[in-house]
């Protein structure tokens, strides 16, 4: 895709660069953050992923608590039950649920599980 091409952004057409409509700037920021997030994931850089993911919750602690912390706490018994099965277990969650002090990996560590990045 041509980076200079016009494309719809928030129902408008135009360049998604700085100086454009506010919605266009937001789209550019989202794409930049996504690219940085993918790059951090490819490097195995959990700290960079955490910083990028948690930025979206700045100033909105209620959303973070509801969407991340409470969901993770609710999932923990099910994940631990999965670990007790004799057959392999596969758990899929969004990246924001894995990282950070309230992430599933931190919660598993607190319960004594050994976490390894491969």
C-alpha atoms as a PDB file:
ATOM      1  CA  UNK A   1       0.000   0.000   0.000  1.00  0.00           C
ATOM      2  CA  UNK A   2       1.280   3.450  -0.873  1.00  0.00           C
ATOM      3  CA  UNK A   3       1.887   5.262   2.429  1.00  0.00           C
ATOM      4  CA  UNK A   4       0.977   8.586   0.842  1.00  0.00           C
ATOM      5  CA  UNK A   5      -2.302   7.329  -0.570  1.00  0.00           C
ATOM      6  CA  UNK A   6      -5.535   8.686   0.754  1.00  0.00           C
ATOM      7  CA  UNK A   7      -7.702   6.262   2.646  1.00  0.00           C
ATOM      8  CA  UNK A   8     -10.840   6.467   4.756  1.00  0.00           C
ATOM      9  CA  UNK A   9     -10.156   7.349   8.370  1.00  0.00           C
ATOM     10  CA  UNK A  10     -13.051   7.790  10.782  1.00  0.00           C
ATOM     11  CA  UNK A  11     -15.445   8.257   7.873  1.00  0.00           C
ATOM     12  CA  UNK A  12     -13.258  10.876   6.130  1.00  0.00           C
ATOM     13  CA  UNK A  13     -10.726  10.659   3.353  1.00  0.00           C
ATOM     14  CA  UNK A  14      -7.275  12.228   3.468  1.00  0.00           C
ATOM     15  CA  UNK A  15      -3.677  11.662   4.389  1.00  0.00           C
ATOM     16  CA  UNK A  16      -3.300  10.062   7.790  1.00  0.00           C
ATOM     17  CA  UNK A  17      -0.302  12.184   8.637  1.00  0.00           C
ATOM     18  CA  UNK A  18       0.339  14.950  11.105  1.00  0.00           C
ATOM     19  CA  UNK A  19      -1.519  18.131  10.309  1.00  0.00           C
ATOM     20  CA  UNK A  20      -4.563  16.251   9.061  1.00  0.00           C
ATOM     21  CA  UNK A  21      -7.880  15.842  10.795  1.00  0.00           C
ATOM     22  CA  UNK A  22      -7.742  14.779  14.483  1.00  0.00           C
ATOM     23  CA  UNK A  23      -9.143  11.333  13.629  1.00  0.00           C
ATOM     24  CA  UNK A  24      -6.435  10.897  11.041  1.00  0.00           C
ATOM     25  CA  UNK A  25      -3.724  11.611  13.580  1.00  0.00           C
ATOM     26  CA  UNK A  26      -5.276   9.066  15.929  1.00  0.00           C
ATOM     27  CA  UNK A  27      -5.185   6.461  13.173  1.00  0.00           C
ATOM     28  CA  UNK A  28      -1.515   7.214  12.492  1.00  0.00           C
ATOM     29  CA  UNK A  29      -0.705   6.877  16.195  1.00  0.00           C
ATOM     30  CA  UNK A  30      -2.582   3.547  16.360  1.00  0.00           C
ATOM     31  CA  UNK A  31      -0.719   2.182  13.346  1.00  0.00           C
ATOM     32  CA  UNK A  32       2.622   3.346  14.747  1.00  0.00           C
ATOM     33  CA  UNK A  33       1.868   1.767  18.129  1.00  0.00           C
ATOM     34  CA  UNK A  34       0.801  -1.476  16.460  1.00  0.00           C
ATOM     35  CA  UNK A  35       4.028  -1.588  14.448  1.00  0.00           C
ATOM     36  CA  UNK A  36       6.063  -0.930  17.603  1.00  0.00           C
ATOM     37  CA  UNK A  37       4.089  -3.591  19.479  1.00  0.00           C
ATOM     38  CA  UNK A  38       4.701  -6.190  16.778  1.00  0.00           C
ATOM     39  CA  UNK A  39       8.409  -5.317  16.709  1.00  0.00           C
ATOM     40  CA  UNK A  40       8.637  -5.645  20.508  1.00  0.00           C
ATOM     41  CA  UNK A  41       6.870  -9.011  20.364  1.00  0.00           C
ATOM     42  CA  UNK A  42       9.249 -10.240  17.661  1.00  0.00           C
ATOM     43  CA  UNK A  43      12.225  -9.230  19.833  1.00  0.00           C
ATOM     44  CA  UNK A  44      10.711 -10.842  22.897  1.00  0.00           C
ATOM     45  CA  UNK A  45      10.822  -7.440  24.606  1.00  0.00           C
ATOM     46  CA  UNK A  46       8.145  -7.790  27.291  1.00  0.00           C
ATOM     47  CA  UNK A  47       9.010  -4.429  28.888  1.00  0.00           C
ATOM     48  CA  UNK A  48       8.410  -2.544  25.629  1.00  0.00           C
ATOM     49  CA  UNK A  49       5.169  -4.453  25.060  1.00  0.00           C
ATOM     50  CA  UNK A  50       4.003  -3.592  28.556  1.00  0.00           C
ATOM     51  CA  UNK A  51       4.762   0.100  28.081  1.00  0.00           C
ATOM     52  CA  UNK A  52       2.939   0.246  24.741  1.00  0.00           C
ATOM     53  CA  UNK A  53      -0.090  -1.738  25.879  1.00  0.00           C
ATOM     54  CA  UNK A  54      -0.572   0.085  29.153  1.00  0.00           C
ATOM     55  CA  UNK A  55      -0.355   3.541  27.536  1.00  0.00           C
ATOM     56  CA  UNK A  56      -3.865   3.071  26.182  1.00  0.00           C
ATOM     57  CA  UNK A  57      -5.230   2.854  29.748  1.00  0.00           C
ATOM     58  CA  UNK A  58      -3.527   6.004  31.097  1.00  0.00           C
ATOM     59  CA  UNK A  59      -6.085   8.098  32.908  1.00  0.00           C
ATOM     60  CA  UNK A  60      -8.693   5.352  32.823  1.00  0.00           C
ATOM     61  CA  UNK A  61      -8.028   3.087  35.794  1.00  0.00           C
ATOM     62  CA  UNK A  62     -11.635   1.836  35.869  1.00  0.00           C
ATOM     63  CA  UNK A  63     -11.337   0.456  32.341  1.00  0.00           C
ATOM     64  CA  UNK A  64      -7.983  -1.168  33.136  1.00  0.00           C
ATOM     65  CA  UNK A  65      -9.374  -2.779  36.274  1.00  0.00           C
ATOM     66  CA  UNK A  66     -12.517  -4.009  34.533  1.00  0.00           C
ATOM     67  CA  UNK A  67     -10.994  -5.128  31.226  1.00  0.00           C
ATOM     68  CA  UNK A  68      -7.654  -6.488  32.405  1.00  0.00           C
ATOM     69  CA  UNK A  69      -7.316  -7.098  36.140  1.00  0.00           C
ATOM     70  CA  UNK A  70     -10.773  -8.509  36.873  1.00  0.00           C
ATOM     71  CA  UNK A  71     -10.848 -10.661  33.752  1.00  0.00           C
ATOM     72  CA  UNK A  72      -7.428 -12.084  34.547  1.00  0.00           C
ATOM     73  CA  UNK A  73      -8.485 -12.912  38.109  1.00  0.00           C
ATOM     74  CA  UNK A  74     -11.616 -14.619  36.788  1.00  0.00           C
ATOM     75  CA  UNK A  75      -9.604 -16.667  34.292  1.00  0.00           C
ATOM     76  CA  UNK A  76      -6.961 -17.895  36.748  1.00  0.00           C
ATOM     77  CA  UNK A  77      -8.998 -20.804  38.202  1.00  0.00           C
ATOM     78  CA  UNK A  78      -9.811 -22.020  34.705  1.00  0.00           C
ATOM     79  CA  UNK A  79      -6.181 -21.756  33.586  1.00  0.00           C
ATOM     80  CA  UNK A  80      -4.978 -23.626  36.662  1.00  0.00           C
ATOM     81  CA  UNK A  81      -7.602 -26.328  36.072  1.00  0.00           C
ATOM     82  CA  UNK A  82      -6.298 -26.625  32.545  1.00  0.00           C
ATOM     83  CA  UNK A  83      -2.757 -27.158  33.884  1.00  0.00           C
ATOM     84  CA  UNK A  84      -3.959 -30.047  36.051  1.00  0.00           C
ATOM     85  CA  UNK A  85      -5.222 -32.008  33.046  1.00  0.00           C
ATOM     86  CA  UNK A  86      -3.060 -34.857  31.800  1.00  0.00           C
ATOM     87  CA  UNK A  87      -3.301 -33.586  28.211  1.00  0.00           C
ATOM     88  CA  UNK A  88      -1.774 -30.372  26.833  1.00  0.00           C
ATOM     89  CA  UNK A  89      -3.692 -27.142  27.292  1.00  0.00           C
ATOM     90  CA  UNK A  90      -3.930 -24.180  24.921  1.00  0.00           C
ATOM     91  CA  UNK A  91      -4.910 -20.741  26.244  1.00  0.00           C
ATOM     92  CA  UNK A  92      -5.482 -17.745  23.976  1.00  0.00           C
ATOM     93  CA  UNK A  93      -5.740 -14.219  25.392  1.00  0.00           C
ATOM     94  CA  UNK A  94      -4.987 -10.728  24.131  1.00  0.00           C
ATOM     95  CA  UNK A  95      -1.497  -9.340  24.633  1.00  0.00           C
ATOM     96  CA  UNK A  96      -2.637  -6.873  27.300  1.00  0.00           C
ATOM     97  CA  UNK A  97      -3.695  -9.803  29.495  1.00  0.00           C
ATOM     98  CA  UNK A  98      -0.205 -11.292  29.552  1.00  0.00           C
ATOM     99  CA  UNK A  99       1.981  -8.337  30.465  1.00  0.00           C
ATOM    100  CA  UNK A 100       2.177  -5.968  33.404  1.00  0.00           C
ATOM    101  CA  UNK A 101       1.812  -6.289  37.141  1.00  0.00           C
ATOM    102  CA  UNK A 102      -1.774  -7.523  36.799  1.00  0.00           C
ATOM    103  CA  UNK A 103      -1.055  -9.754  33.816  1.00  0.00           C
ATOM    104  CA  UNK A 104      -1.625 -13.484  33.779  1.00  0.00           C
ATOM    105  CA  UNK A 105       2.107 -14.215  33.799  1.00  0.00           C
ATOM    106  CA  UNK A 106       2.581 -12.139  36.968  1.00  0.00           C
ATOM    107  CA  UNK A 107      -0.411 -13.842  38.571  1.00  0.00           C
ATOM    108  CA  UNK A 108       0.970 -17.275  37.698  1.00  0.00           C
ATOM    109  CA  UNK A 109       4.401 -16.334  39.110  1.00  0.00           C
ATOM    110  CA  UNK A 110       2.734 -15.202  42.343  1.00  0.00           C
ATOM    111  CA  UNK A 111       1.165 -18.651  42.618  1.00  0.00           C
ATOM    112  CA  UNK A 112       4.563 -20.323  42.240  1.00  0.00           C
ATOM    113  CA  UNK A 113       4.538 -21.238  38.558  1.00  0.00           C
ATOM    114  CA  UNK A 114       7.828 -20.940  36.697  1.00  0.00           C
ATOM    115  CA  UNK A 115       7.491 -18.799  33.569  1.00  0.00           C
ATOM    116  CA  UNK A 116       9.987 -19.198  30.738  1.00  0.00           C
ATOM    117  CA  UNK A 117      10.256 -17.195  27.543  1.00  0.00           C
ATOM    118  CA  UNK A 118      11.513 -19.251  24.644  1.00  0.00           C
END
